[in-house]
Amino acid sequence: MPLYEYHCTACNKDTEILQKMSDEPEKTCPHCHKDTLTKQISAAGFQLKGTGWYVTDFKNKPTSAKPETTSTEKPVTTKPSEKTD
Protein backbone atom coordinates (compact mmCIF):
# COMPACT_ATOMS: atom_id res chain seq x y z
CA MET A 1 0.00 0.00 0.00
CA PRO A 2 1.30 3.47 -0.81
CA LEU A 3 1.92 6.31 1.61
CA TYR A 4 0.00 9.50 0.90
CA GLU A 5 1.01 12.92 2.18
CA TYR A 6 -1.59 15.24 3.66
CA HIS A 7 -1.46 18.83 4.94
CA CYS A 8 -3.79 20.27 7.55
CA THR A 9 -4.81 23.85 6.87
CA ALA A 10 -6.04 24.33 10.47
CA CYS A 11 -2.94 23.31 12.45
CA ASN A 12 -0.45 23.59 9.53
CA LYS A 13 0.99 20.10 10.12
CA ASP A 14 1.95 17.51 7.52
CA THR A 15 1.27 13.82 7.92
CA GLU A 16 1.70 10.59 5.94
CA ILE A 17 -1.11 8.05 5.84
CA LEU A 18 -0.81 4.48 4.59
CA GLN A 19 -3.90 3.60 2.58
CA LYS A 20 -5.07 1.65 -0.45
CA MET A 21 -5.22 3.36 -3.81
CA SER A 22 -8.97 2.69 -3.91
CA ASP A 23 -9.61 4.35 -0.50
CA GLU A 24 -11.26 7.76 -0.28
CA PRO A 25 -8.90 10.62 0.74
CA GLU A 26 -8.68 11.30 4.47
CA LYS A 27 -10.43 14.43 5.75
CA THR A 28 -9.86 14.43 9.50
CA CYS A 29 -6.47 15.59 10.81
CA PRO A 30 -4.92 13.14 13.31
CA HIS A 31 -3.34 16.09 15.21
CA CYS A 32 -6.17 18.60 15.67
CA HIS A 33 -9.12 16.33 14.69
CA LYS A 34 -10.64 18.89 12.30
CA ASP A 35 -11.85 18.08 8.80
CA THR A 36 -9.23 20.24 7.10
CA LEU A 37 -6.81 17.74 5.50
CA THR A 38 -5.79 18.23 1.89
CA LYS A 39 -3.99 15.58 -0.13
CA GLN A 40 -0.56 16.64 -1.39
CA ILE A 41 1.13 15.70 -4.65
CA SER A 42 4.53 14.09 -4.11
CA ALA A 43 7.10 12.03 -5.98
CA ALA A 44 6.86 8.28 -5.84
CA GLY A 45 9.63 6.66 -3.80
CA PHE A 46 10.43 3.31 -5.35
CA GLN A 47 13.42 1.69 -6.98
CA LEU A 48 13.47 -1.05 -9.58
CA LYS A 49 15.82 -3.86 -8.58
CA GLY A 50 17.12 -6.93 -10.33
CA THR A 51 18.63 -7.51 -13.74
CA GLY A 52 17.39 -5.59 -16.73
CA TRP A 53 17.29 -2.15 -15.10
CA TYR A 54 19.64 0.79 -15.63
CA VAL A 55 21.03 0.77 -12.09
CA THR A 56 22.12 -2.86 -12.15
CA ASP A 57 23.14 -3.37 -15.77
CA PHE A 58 24.38 -0.12 -17.29
CA LYS A 59 25.19 2.43 -14.61
CA ASN A 60 28.78 1.43 -13.79
CA LYS A 61 29.89 0.07 -17.15
CA PRO A 62 32.33 2.15 -19.24
CA THR A 63 30.78 3.97 -22.16
CA SER A 64 33.81 3.58 -24.42
CA ALA A 65 33.02 2.10 -27.83
CA LYS A 66 36.59 0.87 -28.35
CA PRO A 67 37.45 -2.58 -27.02
CA GLU A 68 40.49 -2.68 -24.82
CA THR A 69 43.55 -4.44 -26.26
CA THR A 70 45.88 -6.38 -24.04
CA SER A 71 48.49 -7.15 -26.69
CA THR A 72 51.50 -4.87 -27.19
CA GLU A 73 52.10 -6.06 -30.75
CA LYS A 74 51.26 -3.79 -33.67
CA PRO A 75 48.75 -5.07 -36.18
CA VAL A 76 50.19 -6.41 -39.42
CA THR A 77 49.25 -4.40 -42.47
CA THR A 78 49.56 -5.86 -45.93
CA LYS A 79 49.72 -4.05 -49.22
CA PRO A 80 48.08 -5.46 -52.33
CA SER A 81 50.66 -7.21 -54.50
CA GLU A 82 51.65 -5.46 -57.68
CA LYS A 83 51.74 -7.40 -60.93
CA THR A 84 54.78 -6.98 -63.09
CA ASP A 85 54.63 -8.25 -66.66
PDB file of N, CA and C in Angstrom:
ATOM      1  N   MET A   1       0.847  -1.184   0.000  1.00  0.00           N
ATOM      2  CA  MET A   1       0.000   0.000   0.000  1.00  0.00           C
ATOM      3  C   MET A   1       0.889   1.243   0.000  1.00  0.00           C
ATOM      4  N   PRO A   2       0.494   2.251  -0.748  1.00  0.00           N
ATOM      5  CA  PRO A   2       1.297   3.472  -0.806  1.00  0.00           C
ATOM      6  C   PRO A   2       1.040   4.411   0.376  1.00  0.00           C
ATOM      7  N   LEU A   3       2.040   5.247   0.617  1.00  0.00           N
ATOM      8  CA  LEU A   3       1.922   6.312   1.610  1.00  0.00           C
ATOM      9  C   LEU A   3       1.465   7.583   0.905  1.00  0.00           C
ATOM     10  N   TYR A   4       0.475   8.239   1.458  1.00  0.00           N
ATOM     11  CA  TYR A   4      -0.002   9.501   0.904  1.00  0.00           C
ATOM     12  C   TYR A   4       0.304  10.620   1.883  1.00  0.00           C
ATOM     13  N   GLU A   5       0.704  11.754   1.341  1.00  0.00           N
ATOM     14  CA  GLU A   5       1.014  12.919   2.177  1.00  0.00           C
ATOM     15  C   GLU A   5      -0.196  13.837   2.229  1.00  0.00           C
ATOM     16  N   TYR A   6      -0.481  14.317   3.440  1.00  0.00           N
ATOM     17  CA  TYR A   6      -1.594  15.237   3.661  1.00  0.00           C
ATOM     18  C   TYR A   6      -1.085  16.460   4.419  1.00  0.00           C
ATOM     19  N   HIS A   7      -1.781  17.589   4.221  1.00  0.00           N
ATOM     20  CA  HIS A   7      -1.460  18.826   4.938  1.00  0.00           C
ATOM     21  C   HIS A   7      -2.744  19.349   5.573  1.00  0.00           C
ATOM     22  N   CYS A   8      -2.639  19.715   6.838  1.00  0.00           N
ATOM     23  CA  CYS A   8      -3.788  20.268   7.549  1.00  0.00           C
ATOM     24  C   CYS A   8      -3.728  21.793   7.475  1.00  0.00           C
ATOM     25  N   THR A   9      -4.783  22.382   6.979  1.00  0.00           N
ATOM     26  CA  THR A   9      -4.814  23.852   6.873  1.00  0.00           C
ATOM     27  C   THR A   9      -5.160  24.517   8.203  1.00  0.00           C
ATOM     28  N   ALA A  10      -5.691  23.764   9.162  1.00  0.00           N
ATOM     29  CA  ALA A  10      -6.039  24.330  10.468  1.00  0.00           C
ATOM     30  C   ALA A  10      -4.820  24.414  11.388  1.00  0.00           C
ATOM     31  N   CYS A  11      -4.086  23.316  11.536  1.00  0.00           N
ATOM     32  CA  CYS A  11      -2.938  23.310  12.453  1.00  0.00           C
ATOM     33  C   CYS A  11      -1.601  23.408  11.714  1.00  0.00           C
ATOM     34  N   ASN A  12      -1.639  23.417  10.384  1.00  0.00           N
ATOM     35  CA  ASN A  12      -0.449  23.587   9.530  1.00  0.00           C
ATOM     36  C   ASN A  12       0.575  22.457   9.695  1.00  0.00           C
ATOM     37  N   LYS A  13       0.098  21.247   9.970  1.00  0.00           N
ATOM     38  CA  LYS A  13       0.994  20.095  10.119  1.00  0.00           C
ATOM     39  C   LYS A  13       0.844  19.162   8.924  1.00  0.00           C
ATOM     40  N   ASP A  14       1.943  18.505   8.589  1.00  0.00           N
ATOM     41  CA  ASP A  14       1.951  17.511   7.516  1.00  0.00           C
ATOM     42  C   ASP A  14       1.948  16.122   8.134  1.00  0.00           C
ATOM     43  N   THR A  15       1.312  15.190   7.442  1.00  0.00           N
ATOM     44  CA  THR A  15       1.272  13.822   7.921  1.00  0.00           C
ATOM     45  C   THR A  15       1.250  12.860   6.738  1.00  0.00           C
ATOM     46  N   GLU A  16       1.735  11.647   6.948  1.00  0.00           N
ATOM     47  CA  GLU A  16       1.697  10.593   5.942  1.00  0.00           C
ATOM     48  C   GLU A  16       0.730   9.522   6.415  1.00  0.00           C
ATOM     49  N   ILE A  17      -0.107   9.065   5.494  1.00  0.00           N
ATOM     50  CA  ILE A  17      -1.108   8.054   5.840  1.00  0.00           C
ATOM     51  C   ILE A  17      -0.981   6.898   4.856  1.00  0.00           C
ATOM     52  N   LEU A  18      -0.887   5.687   5.392  1.00  0.00           N
ATOM     53  CA  LEU A  18      -0.810   4.477   4.594  1.00  0.00           C
ATOM     54  C   LEU A  18      -2.229   4.026   4.268  1.00  0.00           C
ATOM     55  N   GLN A  19      -2.561   4.010   2.972  1.00  0.00           N
ATOM     56  CA  GLN A  19      -3.899   3.599   2.583  1.00  0.00           C
ATOM     57  C   GLN A  19      -3.896   3.002   1.181  1.00  0.00           C
ATOM     58  N   LYS A  20      -4.933   2.261   0.866  1.00  0.00           N
ATOM     59  CA  LYS A  20      -5.072   1.654  -0.447  1.00  0.00           C
ATOM     60  C   LYS A  20      -5.321   2.743  -1.492  1.00  0.00           C
ATOM     61  N   MET A  21      -4.975   2.414  -2.733  1.00  0.00           N
ATOM     62  CA  MET A  21      -5.223   3.361  -3.814  1.00  0.00           C
ATOM     63  C   MET A  21      -6.720   3.582  -4.033  1.00  0.00           C
ATOM     64  N   SER A  22      -7.521   2.593  -3.710  1.00  0.00           N
ATOM     65  CA  SER A  22      -8.969   2.692  -3.913  1.00  0.00           C
ATOM     66  C   SER A  22      -9.693   3.403  -2.760  1.00  0.00           C
ATOM     67  N   ASP A  23      -8.996   3.673  -1.646  1.00  0.00           N
ATOM     68  CA  ASP A  23      -9.612   4.350  -0.499  1.00  0.00           C
ATOM     69  C   ASP A  23      -9.894   5.820  -0.816  1.00  0.00           C
ATOM     70  N   GLU A  24     -10.938   6.339  -0.186  1.00  0.00           N
ATOM     71  CA  GLU A  24     -11.258   7.760  -0.283  1.00  0.00           C
ATOM     72  C   GLU A  24     -10.189   8.570   0.467  1.00  0.00           C
ATOM     73  N   PRO A  25      -9.883   9.790   0.014  1.00  0.00           N
ATOM     74  CA  PRO A  25      -8.899  10.618   0.736  1.00  0.00           C
ATOM     75  C   PRO A  25      -9.358  10.919   2.164  1.00  0.00           C
ATOM     76  N   GLU A  26      -8.389  10.967   3.070  1.00  0.00           N
ATOM     77  CA  GLU A  26      -8.684  11.297   4.468  1.00  0.00           C
ATOM     78  C   GLU A  26      -9.104  12.762   4.566  1.00  0.00           C
ATOM     79  N   LYS A  27      -9.970  13.056   5.534  1.00  0.00           N
ATOM     80  CA  LYS A  27     -10.433  14.433   5.746  1.00  0.00           C
ATOM     81  C   LYS A  27     -10.103  14.943   7.139  1.00  0.00           C
ATOM     82  N   THR A  28     -10.052  14.029   8.107  1.00  0.00           N
ATOM     83  CA  THR A  28      -9.855  14.426   9.502  1.00  0.00           C
ATOM     84  C   THR A  28      -8.380  14.389   9.868  1.00  0.00           C
ATOM     85  N   CYS A  29      -7.873  15.486  10.397  1.00  0.00           N
ATOM     86  CA  CYS A  29      -6.471  15.594  10.808  1.00  0.00           C
ATOM     87  C   CYS A  29      -6.243  14.771  12.085  1.00  0.00           C
ATOM     88  N   PRO A  30      -5.192  13.928  12.101  1.00  0.00           N
ATOM     89  CA  PRO A  30      -4.919  13.143  13.311  1.00  0.00           C
ATOM     90  C   PRO A  30      -4.348  13.983  14.457  1.00  0.00           C
ATOM     91  N   HIS A  31      -3.935  15.227  14.182  1.00  0.00           N
ATOM     92  CA  HIS A  31      -3.342  16.091  15.213  1.00  0.00           C
ATOM     93  C   HIS A  31      -4.394  16.975  15.892  1.00  0.00           C
ATOM     94  N   CYS A  32      -5.194  17.676  15.082  1.00  0.00           N
ATOM     95  CA  CYS A  32      -6.173  18.605  15.668  1.00  0.00           C
ATOM     96  C   CYS A  32      -7.612  18.106  15.551  1.00  0.00           C
ATOM     97  N   HIS A  33      -7.820  16.988  14.838  1.00  0.00           N
ATOM     98  CA  HIS A  33      -9.123  16.330  14.695  1.00  0.00           C
ATOM     99  C   HIS A  33     -10.169  17.187  13.989  1.00  0.00           C
ATOM    100  N   LYS A  34      -9.720  18.092  13.116  1.00  0.00           N
ATOM    101  CA  LYS A  34     -10.643  18.889  12.299  1.00  0.00           C
ATOM    102  C   LYS A  34     -10.648  18.326  10.880  1.00  0.00           C
ATOM    103  N   ASP A  35     -11.729  18.570  10.173  1.00  0.00           N
ATOM    104  CA  ASP A  35     -11.852  18.078   8.795  1.00  0.00           C
ATOM    105  C   ASP A  35     -11.218  19.065   7.807  1.00  0.00           C
ATOM    106  N   THR A  36      -9.914  19.259   7.940  1.00  0.00           N
ATOM    107  CA  THR A  36      -9.229  20.244   7.095  1.00  0.00           C
ATOM    108  C   THR A  36      -7.997  19.673   6.394  1.00  0.00           C
ATOM    109  N   LEU A  37      -7.948  18.350   6.189  1.00  0.00           N
ATOM    110  CA  LEU A  37      -6.807  17.744   5.505  1.00  0.00           C
ATOM    111  C   LEU A  37      -6.944  17.905   3.993  1.00  0.00           C
ATOM    112  N   THR A  38      -5.832  18.194   3.354  1.00  0.00           N
ATOM    113  CA  THR A  38      -5.785  18.232   1.891  1.00  0.00           C
ATOM    114  C   THR A  38      -4.664  17.306   1.438  1.00  0.00           C
ATOM    115  N   LYS A  39      -4.958  16.532   0.405  1.00  0.00           N
ATOM    116  CA  LYS A  39      -3.992  15.577  -0.128  1.00  0.00           C
ATOM    117  C   LYS A  39      -2.936  16.331  -0.940  1.00  0.00           C
ATOM    118  N   GLN A  40      -1.673  15.986  -0.712  1.00  0.00           N
ATOM    119  CA  GLN A  40      -0.563  16.642  -1.392  1.00  0.00           C
ATOM    120  C   GLN A  40      -0.077  15.783  -2.555  1.00  0.00           C
ATOM    121  N   ILE A  41       0.525  16.419  -3.539  1.00  0.00           N
ATOM    122  CA  ILE A  41       1.131  15.698  -4.654  1.00  0.00           C
ATOM    123  C   ILE A  41       2.609  15.546  -4.327  1.00  0.00           C
ATOM    124  N   SER A  42       3.115  14.327  -4.417  1.00  0.00           N
ATOM    125  CA  SER A  42       4.526  14.090  -4.109  1.00  0.00           C
ATOM    126  C   SER A  42       5.097  13.058  -5.069  1.00  0.00           C
ATOM    127  N   ALA A  43       6.412  12.988  -5.104  1.00  0.00           N
ATOM    128  CA  ALA A  43       7.098  12.033  -5.980  1.00  0.00           C
ATOM    129  C   ALA A  43       7.018  10.631  -5.393  1.00  0.00           C
ATOM    130  N   ALA A  44       6.901   9.675  -6.283  1.00  0.00           N
ATOM    131  CA  ALA A  44       6.863   8.278  -5.836  1.00  0.00           C
ATOM    132  C   ALA A  44       8.252   7.855  -5.388  1.00  0.00           C
ATOM    133  N   GLY A  45       8.339   7.098  -4.323  1.00  0.00           N
ATOM    134  CA  GLY A  45       9.630   6.656  -3.804  1.00  0.00           C
ATOM    135  C   GLY A  45       9.806   5.159  -3.960  1.00  0.00           C
ATOM    136  N   PHE A  46      10.184   4.731  -5.154  1.00  0.00           N
ATOM    137  CA  PHE A  46      10.435   3.313  -5.346  1.00  0.00           C
ATOM    138  C   PHE A  46      11.647   3.141  -6.244  1.00  0.00           C
ATOM    139  N   GLN A  47      12.238   1.983  -6.180  1.00  0.00           N
ATOM    140  CA  GLN A  47      13.423   1.688  -6.981  1.00  0.00           C
ATOM    141  C   GLN A  47      13.256   0.308  -7.599  1.00  0.00           C
ATOM    142  N   LEU A  48      13.556   0.221  -8.885  1.00  0.00           N
ATOM    143  CA  LEU A  48      13.465  -1.050  -9.580  1.00  0.00           C
ATOM    144  C   LEU A  48      14.754  -1.816  -9.342  1.00  0.00           C
ATOM    145  N   LYS A  49      14.648  -3.057  -8.880  1.00  0.00           N
ATOM    146  CA  LYS A  49      15.823  -3.859  -8.577  1.00  0.00           C
ATOM    147  C   LYS A  49      15.818  -5.129  -9.416  1.00  0.00           C
ATOM    148  N   GLY A  50      16.991  -5.702  -9.572  1.00  0.00           N
ATOM    149  CA  GLY A  50      17.123  -6.934 -10.333  1.00  0.00           C
ATOM    150  C   GLY A  50      17.794  -6.663 -11.670  1.00  0.00           C
ATOM    151  N   THR A  51      17.982  -7.688 -12.449  1.00  0.00           N
ATOM    152  CA  THR A  51      18.631  -7.514 -13.740  1.00  0.00           C
ATOM    153  C   THR A  51      17.656  -6.898 -14.728  1.00  0.00           C
ATOM    154  N   GLY A  52      18.217  -6.198 -15.705  1.00  0.00           N
ATOM    155  CA  GLY A  52      17.385  -5.590 -16.730  1.00  0.00           C
ATOM    156  C   GLY A  52      17.088  -4.128 -16.496  1.00  0.00           C
ATOM    157  N   TRP A  53      17.542  -3.556 -15.391  1.00  0.00           N
ATOM    158  CA  TRP A  53      17.288  -2.154 -15.101  1.00  0.00           C
ATOM    159  C   TRP A  53      18.589  -1.372 -15.196  1.00  0.00           C
ATOM    160  N   TYR A  54      18.491  -0.088 -15.447  1.00  0.00           N
ATOM    161  CA  TYR A  54      19.639   0.790 -15.631  1.00  0.00           C
ATOM    162  C   TYR A  54      20.620   0.709 -14.476  1.00  0.00           C
ATOM    163  N   VAL A  55      20.149   0.726 -13.263  1.00  0.00           N
ATOM    164  CA  VAL A  55      21.028   0.767 -12.093  1.00  0.00           C
ATOM    165  C   VAL A  55      21.908  -0.473 -12.012  1.00  0.00           C
ATOM    166  N   THR A  56      21.352  -1.630 -12.319  1.00  0.00           N
ATOM    167  CA  THR A  56      22.118  -2.862 -12.150  1.00  0.00           C
ATOM    168  C   THR A  56      22.926  -3.250 -13.372  1.00  0.00           C
ATOM    169  N   ASP A  57      22.474  -2.885 -14.561  1.00  0.00           N
ATOM    170  CA  ASP A  57      23.138  -3.370 -15.769  1.00  0.00           C
ATOM    171  C   ASP A  57      24.027  -2.354 -16.482  1.00  0.00           C
ATOM    172  N   PHE A  58      23.681  -1.089 -16.456  1.00  0.00           N
ATOM    173  CA  PHE A  58      24.379  -0.124 -17.286  1.00  0.00           C
ATOM    174  C   PHE A  58      25.063   1.010 -16.537  1.00  0.00           C
ATOM    175  N   LYS A  59      24.719   1.249 -15.320  1.00  0.00           N
ATOM    176  CA  LYS A  59      25.186   2.428 -14.606  1.00  0.00           C
ATOM    177  C   LYS A  59      26.705   2.488 -14.465  1.00  0.00           C
ATOM    178  N   ASN A  60      27.351   1.399 -14.086  1.00  0.00           N
ATOM    179  CA  ASN A  60      28.782   1.432 -13.786  1.00  0.00           C
ATOM    180  C   ASN A  60      29.658   0.901 -14.908  1.00  0.00           C
ATOM    181  N   LYS A  61      29.094   0.581 -16.052  1.00  0.00           N
ATOM    182  CA  LYS A  61      29.890   0.075 -17.155  1.00  0.00           C
ATOM    183  C   LYS A  61      30.492   1.242 -17.924  1.00  0.00           C
ATOM    184  N   PRO A  62      31.730   1.064 -18.465  1.00  0.00           N
ATOM    185  CA  PRO A  62      32.331   2.148 -19.240  1.00  0.00           C
ATOM    186  C   PRO A  62      31.543   2.383 -20.527  1.00  0.00           C
ATOM    187  N   THR A  63      31.535   3.626 -20.962  1.00  0.00           N
ATOM    188  CA  THR A  63      30.782   3.971 -22.159  1.00  0.00           C
ATOM    189  C   THR A  63      31.650   3.996 -23.401  1.00  0.00           C
ATOM    190  N   SER A  64      32.894   3.567 -23.294  1.00  0.00           N
ATOM    191  CA  SER A  64      33.813   3.581 -24.422  1.00  0.00           C
ATOM    192  C   SER A  64      33.372   2.565 -25.477  1.00  0.00           C
ATOM    193  N   ALA A  65      33.411   2.995 -26.740  1.00  0.00           N
ATOM    194  CA  ALA A  65      33.018   2.105 -27.832  1.00  0.00           C
ATOM    195  C   ALA A  65      34.187   1.243 -28.292  1.00  0.00           C
ATOM    196  N   LYS A  66      35.417   1.623 -27.942  1.00  0.00           N
ATOM    197  CA  LYS A  66      36.592   0.872 -28.351  1.00  0.00           C
ATOM    198  C   LYS A  66      36.848  -0.280 -27.388  1.00  0.00           C
ATOM    199  N   PRO A  67      37.083  -1.477 -27.921  1.00  0.00           N
ATOM    200  CA  PRO A  67      37.445  -2.575 -27.016  1.00  0.00           C
ATOM    201  C   PRO A  67      38.885  -2.410 -26.556  1.00  0.00           C
ATOM    202  N   GLU A  68      39.129  -2.805 -25.346  1.00  0.00           N
ATOM    203  CA  GLU A  68      40.485  -2.685 -24.815  1.00  0.00           C
ATOM    204  C   GLU A  68      41.367  -3.790 -25.389  1.00  0.00           C
ATOM    205  N   THR A  69      42.618  -3.438 -25.748  1.00  0.00           N
ATOM    206  CA  THR A  69      43.552  -4.438 -26.262  1.00  0.00           C
ATOM    207  C   THR A  69      44.582  -4.734 -25.192  1.00  0.00           C
ATOM    208  N   THR A  70      44.897  -5.992 -25.052  1.00  0.00           N
ATOM    209  CA  THR A  70      45.881  -6.385 -24.043  1.00  0.00           C
ATOM    210  C   THR A  70      47.226  -6.697 -24.686  1.00  0.00           C
ATOM    211  N   SER A  71      47.257  -6.816 -25.986  1.00  0.00           N
ATOM    212  CA  SER A  71      48.488  -7.149 -26.692  1.00  0.00           C
ATOM    213  C   SER A  71      49.299  -5.885 -26.966  1.00  0.00           C
ATOM    214  N   THR A  72      50.639  -6.015 -26.903  1.00  0.00           N
ATOM    215  CA  THR A  72      51.500  -4.866 -27.190  1.00  0.00           C
ATOM    216  C   THR A  72      52.022  -4.905 -28.623  1.00  0.00           C
ATOM    217  N   GLU A  73      51.652  -5.938 -29.372  1.00  0.00           N
ATOM    218  CA  GLU A  73      52.103  -6.056 -30.752  1.00  0.00           C
ATOM    219  C   GLU A  73      51.284  -5.146 -31.653  1.00  0.00           C
ATOM    220  N   LYS A  74      51.954  -4.612 -32.693  1.00  0.00           N
ATOM    221  CA  LYS A  74      51.264  -3.786 -33.666  1.00  0.00           C
ATOM    222  C   LYS A  74      50.567  -4.687 -34.670  1.00  0.00           C
ATOM    223  N   PRO A  75      49.426  -4.256 -35.189  1.00  0.00           N
ATOM    224  CA  PRO A  75      48.746  -5.074 -36.181  1.00  0.00           C
ATOM    225  C   PRO A  75      49.537  -5.116 -37.489  1.00  0.00           C
ATOM    226  N   VAL A  76      49.474  -6.226 -38.163  1.00  0.00           N
ATOM    227  CA  VAL A  76      50.195  -6.410 -39.420  1.00  0.00           C
ATOM    228  C   VAL A  76      49.348  -5.828 -40.542  1.00  0.00           C
ATOM    229  N   THR A  77      49.960  -4.956 -41.326  1.00  0.00           N
ATOM    230  CA  THR A  77      49.249  -4.396 -42.472  1.00  0.00           C
ATOM    231  C   THR A  77      49.869  -4.962 -43.736  1.00  0.00           C
ATOM    232  N   THR A  78      49.069  -5.305 -44.667  1.00  0.00           N
ATOM    233  CA  THR A  78      49.556  -5.855 -45.927  1.00  0.00           C
ATOM    234  C   THR A  78      49.140  -4.949 -47.070  1.00  0.00           C
ATOM    235  N   LYS A  79      50.026  -4.840 -48.046  1.00  0.00           N
ATOM    236  CA  LYS A  79      49.722  -4.053 -49.219  1.00  0.00           C
ATOM    237  C   LYS A  79      49.312  -5.010 -50.331  1.00  0.00           C
ATOM    238  N   PRO A  80      48.431  -4.579 -51.222  1.00  0.00           N
ATOM    239  CA  PRO A  80      48.083  -5.463 -52.329  1.00  0.00           C
ATOM    240  C   PRO A  80      49.309  -5.689 -53.214  1.00  0.00           C
ATOM    241  N   SER A  81      49.485  -6.904 -53.672  1.00  0.00           N
ATOM    242  CA  SER A  81      50.658  -7.214 -54.499  1.00  0.00           C
ATOM    243  C   SER A  81      50.522  -6.579 -55.885  1.00  0.00           C
ATOM    244  N   GLU A  82      51.642  -6.096 -56.368  1.00  0.00           N
ATOM    245  CA  GLU A  82      51.654  -5.464 -57.679  1.00  0.00           C
ATOM    246  C   GLU A  82      52.058  -6.476 -58.721  1.00  0.00           C
ATOM    247  N   LYS A  83      51.403  -6.484 -59.860  1.00  0.00           N
ATOM    248  CA  LYS A  83      51.740  -7.402 -60.934  1.00  0.00           C
ATOM    249  C   LYS A  83      52.770  -6.741 -61.827  1.00  0.00           C
ATOM    250  N   THR A  84      53.757  -7.473 -62.153  1.00  0.00           N
ATOM    251  CA  THR A  84      54.779  -6.982 -63.092  1.00  0.00           C
ATOM    252  C   THR A  84      54.811  -7.928 -64.275  1.00  0.00           C
ATOM    253  N   ASP A  85      54.631  -7.397 -65.465  1.00  0.00           N
ATOM    254  CA  ASP A  85      54.627  -8.249 -66.659  1.00  0.00           C
ATOM    255  C   ASP A  85      55.955  -8.255 -67.335  1.00  0.00           C
TER     256      ASP A  85
END
